């Protein structure tokens, strides 16, 4: 079953092209997942993206698991920018 409600994840028209973000920020779920995929630890993500909690990072990962097809192209683009 795919979750339909998340405590920290929202979509806002006009913010990050309407993609899923962490509420109260402009940080995209795909940004967080790309960092993790690139070898950044959860604690490093929290330290790097100041203001995020571990719970928000883990919920971003959970959201990704439920919405992989939607997020994969965004993550791939983000990783290519991180590697550049």
N, C-alpha and C. Protein backbone atom coordinates (compact mmCIF):
# COMPACT_ATOMS: atom_id res chain seq x y z
N UNK A 1 0.84 -1.17 0.00
CA UNK A 1 0.00 0.00 0.00
C UNK A 1 0.89 1.25 0.00
N UNK A 2 0.57 2.21 -0.84
CA UNK A 2 1.31 3.46 -0.91
C UNK A 2 0.68 4.47 0.03
N UNK A 3 1.51 5.07 0.87
CA UNK A 3 1.02 6.09 1.79
C UNK A 3 0.53 7.29 1.00
N UNK A 4 -0.53 7.90 1.46
CA UNK A 4 -1.08 9.07 0.78
C UNK A 4 -0.92 10.33 1.61
N UNK A 5 -0.45 10.17 2.82
CA UNK A 5 -0.29 11.31 3.70
C UNK A 5 1.06 11.23 4.41
N UNK A 6 1.75 12.35 4.44
CA UNK A 6 3.05 12.42 5.07
C UNK A 6 3.06 13.63 5.99
N UNK A 7 3.67 13.50 7.13
CA UNK A 7 3.69 14.59 8.11
C UNK A 7 4.51 15.78 7.63
N UNK A 8 5.66 15.52 6.99
CA UNK A 8 6.59 16.58 6.63
C UNK A 8 6.67 16.90 5.14
N UNK A 9 6.06 16.11 4.29
CA UNK A 9 6.18 16.27 2.85
C UNK A 9 4.93 16.93 2.28
N UNK A 10 5.14 17.97 1.48
CA UNK A 10 4.02 18.70 0.87
C UNK A 10 4.37 19.03 -0.58
N UNK A 11 3.38 19.48 -1.29
CA UNK A 11 3.54 20.04 -2.64
C UNK A 11 2.91 21.43 -2.61
N UNK A 12 3.59 22.38 -3.16
CA UNK A 12 3.08 23.75 -3.24
C UNK A 12 3.21 24.22 -4.69
N UNK A 13 2.10 24.63 -5.26
CA UNK A 13 2.14 25.17 -6.62
C UNK A 13 3.12 26.33 -6.65
N UNK A 14 3.98 26.35 -7.64
CA UNK A 14 4.94 27.43 -7.78
C UNK A 14 6.21 27.30 -6.96
N UNK A 15 6.31 26.27 -6.15
CA UNK A 15 7.52 26.03 -5.36
C UNK A 15 8.16 24.75 -5.88
N UNK A 16 9.38 24.87 -6.37
CA UNK A 16 10.14 23.73 -6.92
C UNK A 16 9.33 22.99 -7.97
N UNK A 17 8.66 23.76 -8.81
CA UNK A 17 7.85 23.24 -9.92
C UNK A 17 6.75 22.29 -9.45
N UNK A 18 6.31 22.45 -8.23
CA UNK A 18 5.23 21.62 -7.71
C UNK A 18 5.67 20.24 -7.24
N UNK A 19 6.98 19.99 -7.25
CA UNK A 19 7.48 18.69 -6.78
C UNK A 19 7.41 18.62 -5.26
N UNK A 20 7.49 17.43 -4.73
CA UNK A 20 7.42 17.21 -3.28
C UNK A 20 8.60 17.89 -2.59
N UNK A 21 8.28 18.64 -1.53
CA UNK A 21 9.29 19.34 -0.74
C UNK A 21 9.05 19.05 0.73
N UNK A 22 10.03 19.40 1.54
CA UNK A 22 9.87 19.29 2.98
C UNK A 22 9.18 20.56 3.45
N UNK A 23 8.08 20.37 4.14
CA UNK A 23 7.24 21.49 4.56
C UNK A 23 8.06 22.55 5.30
N UNK A 24 7.77 23.81 4.97
CA UNK A 24 8.46 24.92 5.60
C UNK A 24 9.81 25.24 4.98
N UNK A 25 10.17 24.52 3.92
CA UNK A 25 11.45 24.73 3.24
C UNK A 25 11.20 24.74 1.73
N UNK A 26 12.26 24.96 1.00
CA UNK A 26 12.24 24.78 -0.46
C UNK A 26 13.09 23.56 -0.83
N UNK A 27 13.38 22.72 0.13
CA UNK A 27 14.22 21.54 -0.09
C UNK A 27 13.36 20.42 -0.66
N UNK A 28 13.73 19.97 -1.84
CA UNK A 28 12.99 18.90 -2.49
C UNK A 28 13.34 17.54 -1.91
N UNK A 29 12.36 16.66 -1.91
CA UNK A 29 12.61 15.27 -1.50
C UNK A 29 13.72 14.70 -2.36
N UNK A 30 13.71 15.03 -3.65
CA UNK A 30 14.75 14.51 -4.54
C UNK A 30 16.14 15.03 -4.17
N UNK A 31 16.22 16.23 -3.60
CA UNK A 31 17.52 16.75 -3.14
C UNK A 31 18.10 15.87 -2.04
N UNK A 32 17.25 15.53 -1.09
CA UNK A 32 17.67 14.71 0.05
C UNK A 32 18.08 13.32 -0.42
N UNK A 33 17.26 12.71 -1.26
CA UNK A 33 17.56 11.35 -1.74
C UNK A 33 18.84 11.35 -2.56
N UNK A 34 19.04 12.38 -3.38
CA UNK A 34 20.26 12.46 -4.18
C UNK A 34 21.49 12.55 -3.29
N UNK A 35 21.40 13.30 -2.22
CA UNK A 35 22.53 13.39 -1.29
C UNK A 35 22.84 12.04 -0.66
N UNK A 36 21.80 11.34 -0.23
CA UNK A 36 21.99 10.01 0.38
C UNK A 36 22.60 9.05 -0.64
N UNK A 37 22.08 9.07 -1.86
CA UNK A 37 22.62 8.19 -2.90
C UNK A 37 24.06 8.50 -3.24
N UNK A 38 24.46 9.74 -3.05
CA UNK A 38 25.84 10.15 -3.35
C UNK A 38 26.78 9.86 -2.19
N UNK A 39 26.28 9.22 -1.13
CA UNK A 39 27.14 8.81 -0.04
C UNK A 39 27.07 9.66 1.21
N UNK A 40 26.21 10.66 1.21
CA UNK A 40 26.05 11.50 2.39
C UNK A 40 25.24 10.75 3.43
N UNK A 41 25.66 10.77 4.67
CA UNK A 41 24.90 10.10 5.73
C UNK A 41 23.72 10.97 6.15
N UNK A 42 22.77 10.37 6.85
CA UNK A 42 21.62 11.11 7.36
C UNK A 42 22.09 12.27 8.23
N UNK A 43 23.03 12.02 9.12
CA UNK A 43 23.53 13.08 9.99
C UNK A 43 24.20 14.20 9.19
N UNK A 44 24.90 13.84 8.13
CA UNK A 44 25.53 14.85 7.27
C UNK A 44 24.48 15.67 6.52
N UNK A 45 23.40 15.03 6.10
CA UNK A 45 22.31 15.76 5.44
C UNK A 45 21.72 16.77 6.41
N UNK A 46 21.45 16.33 7.64
CA UNK A 46 20.89 17.22 8.66
C UNK A 46 21.82 18.40 8.90
N UNK A 47 23.12 18.14 9.00
CA UNK A 47 24.09 19.21 9.24
C UNK A 47 24.20 20.15 8.04
N UNK A 48 24.14 19.59 6.85
CA UNK A 48 24.30 20.36 5.63
C UNK A 48 23.07 21.21 5.31
N UNK A 49 21.90 20.62 5.48
CA UNK A 49 20.64 21.31 5.19
C UNK A 49 20.05 21.77 6.51
N UNK A 50 20.65 22.79 7.05
CA UNK A 50 20.31 23.26 8.39
C UNK A 50 18.81 23.48 8.55
N UNK A 51 18.33 23.05 9.67
CA UNK A 51 16.91 23.19 9.97
C UNK A 51 16.14 21.91 9.76
N UNK A 52 16.72 20.95 9.03
CA UNK A 52 16.04 19.67 8.84
C UNK A 52 16.27 18.78 10.05
N UNK A 53 15.29 17.95 10.32
CA UNK A 53 15.43 16.95 11.38
C UNK A 53 15.71 15.59 10.75
N UNK A 54 16.18 14.70 11.56
CA UNK A 54 16.39 13.32 11.09
C UNK A 54 15.06 12.74 10.61
N UNK A 55 13.98 13.05 11.30
CA UNK A 55 12.66 12.54 10.92
C UNK A 55 12.28 13.01 9.52
N UNK A 56 12.60 14.25 9.19
CA UNK A 56 12.29 14.76 7.86
C UNK A 56 13.11 14.07 6.79
N UNK A 57 14.35 13.78 7.09
CA UNK A 57 15.19 13.06 6.14
C UNK A 57 14.65 11.65 5.93
N UNK A 58 14.35 10.96 7.03
CA UNK A 58 13.82 9.59 6.89
C UNK A 58 12.47 9.58 6.20
N UNK A 59 11.63 10.58 6.43
CA UNK A 59 10.35 10.61 5.73
C UNK A 59 10.56 10.88 4.25
N UNK A 60 11.56 11.66 3.90
CA UNK A 60 11.88 11.87 2.48
C UNK A 60 12.24 10.54 1.83
N UNK A 61 13.00 9.73 2.53
CA UNK A 61 13.36 8.40 2.01
C UNK A 61 12.13 7.51 1.89
N UNK A 62 11.23 7.59 2.85
CA UNK A 62 9.99 6.81 2.78
C UNK A 62 9.14 7.28 1.61
N UNK A 63 9.05 8.60 1.42
CA UNK A 63 8.29 9.14 0.29
C UNK A 63 8.88 8.63 -1.02
N UNK A 64 10.19 8.64 -1.11
CA UNK A 64 10.86 8.13 -2.30
C UNK A 64 10.46 6.67 -2.57
N UNK A 65 10.46 5.86 -1.54
CA UNK A 65 10.11 4.44 -1.72
C UNK A 65 8.71 4.28 -2.28
N UNK A 66 7.81 5.18 -1.93
CA UNK A 66 6.43 5.11 -2.40
C UNK A 66 6.23 5.78 -3.76
N UNK A 67 7.19 6.60 -4.21
CA UNK A 67 7.01 7.40 -5.43
C UNK A 67 8.26 7.36 -6.32
N UNK A 68 8.86 6.20 -6.44
CA UNK A 68 10.12 6.09 -7.17
C UNK A 68 10.03 6.54 -8.63
N UNK A 69 9.00 6.13 -9.32
CA UNK A 69 8.90 6.48 -10.74
C UNK A 69 8.83 7.99 -10.95
N UNK A 70 8.16 8.67 -10.07
CA UNK A 70 8.04 10.13 -10.14
C UNK A 70 9.36 10.82 -9.85
N UNK A 71 10.11 10.30 -8.90
CA UNK A 71 11.31 10.98 -8.41
C UNK A 71 12.61 10.60 -9.14
N UNK A 72 12.66 9.44 -9.74
CA UNK A 72 13.91 8.98 -10.37
C UNK A 72 14.51 9.98 -11.35
N UNK A 73 13.73 10.56 -12.27
CA UNK A 73 14.35 11.53 -13.19
C UNK A 73 14.92 12.76 -12.46
N UNK A 74 14.24 13.22 -11.44
CA UNK A 74 14.71 14.37 -10.67
C UNK A 74 15.99 14.03 -9.91
N UNK A 75 16.04 12.83 -9.34
CA UNK A 75 17.21 12.40 -8.59
C UNK A 75 18.41 12.25 -9.52
N UNK A 76 18.19 11.66 -10.69
CA UNK A 76 19.28 11.48 -11.64
C UNK A 76 19.86 12.83 -12.06
N UNK A 77 18.99 13.80 -12.30
CA UNK A 77 19.46 15.15 -12.68
C UNK A 77 20.21 15.79 -11.54
N UNK A 78 19.72 15.61 -10.31
CA UNK A 78 20.37 16.20 -9.15
C UNK A 78 21.75 15.58 -8.93
N UNK A 79 21.84 14.27 -9.04
CA UNK A 79 23.12 13.58 -8.87
C UNK A 79 24.12 14.04 -9.93
N UNK A 80 23.67 14.23 -11.15
CA UNK A 80 24.60 14.69 -12.18
C UNK A 80 25.12 16.09 -11.85
N UNK A 81 24.30 16.94 -11.23
CA UNK A 81 24.77 18.26 -10.81
C UNK A 81 25.73 18.15 -9.63
N UNK A 82 25.47 17.22 -8.71
CA UNK A 82 26.36 17.04 -7.55
C UNK A 82 27.72 16.52 -7.99
N UNK A 83 27.72 15.66 -9.01
CA UNK A 83 28.97 15.06 -9.50
C UNK A 83 29.78 16.01 -10.37
N UNK A 84 29.14 17.05 -10.86
CA UNK A 84 29.83 17.98 -11.79
C UNK A 84 30.85 18.85 -11.07
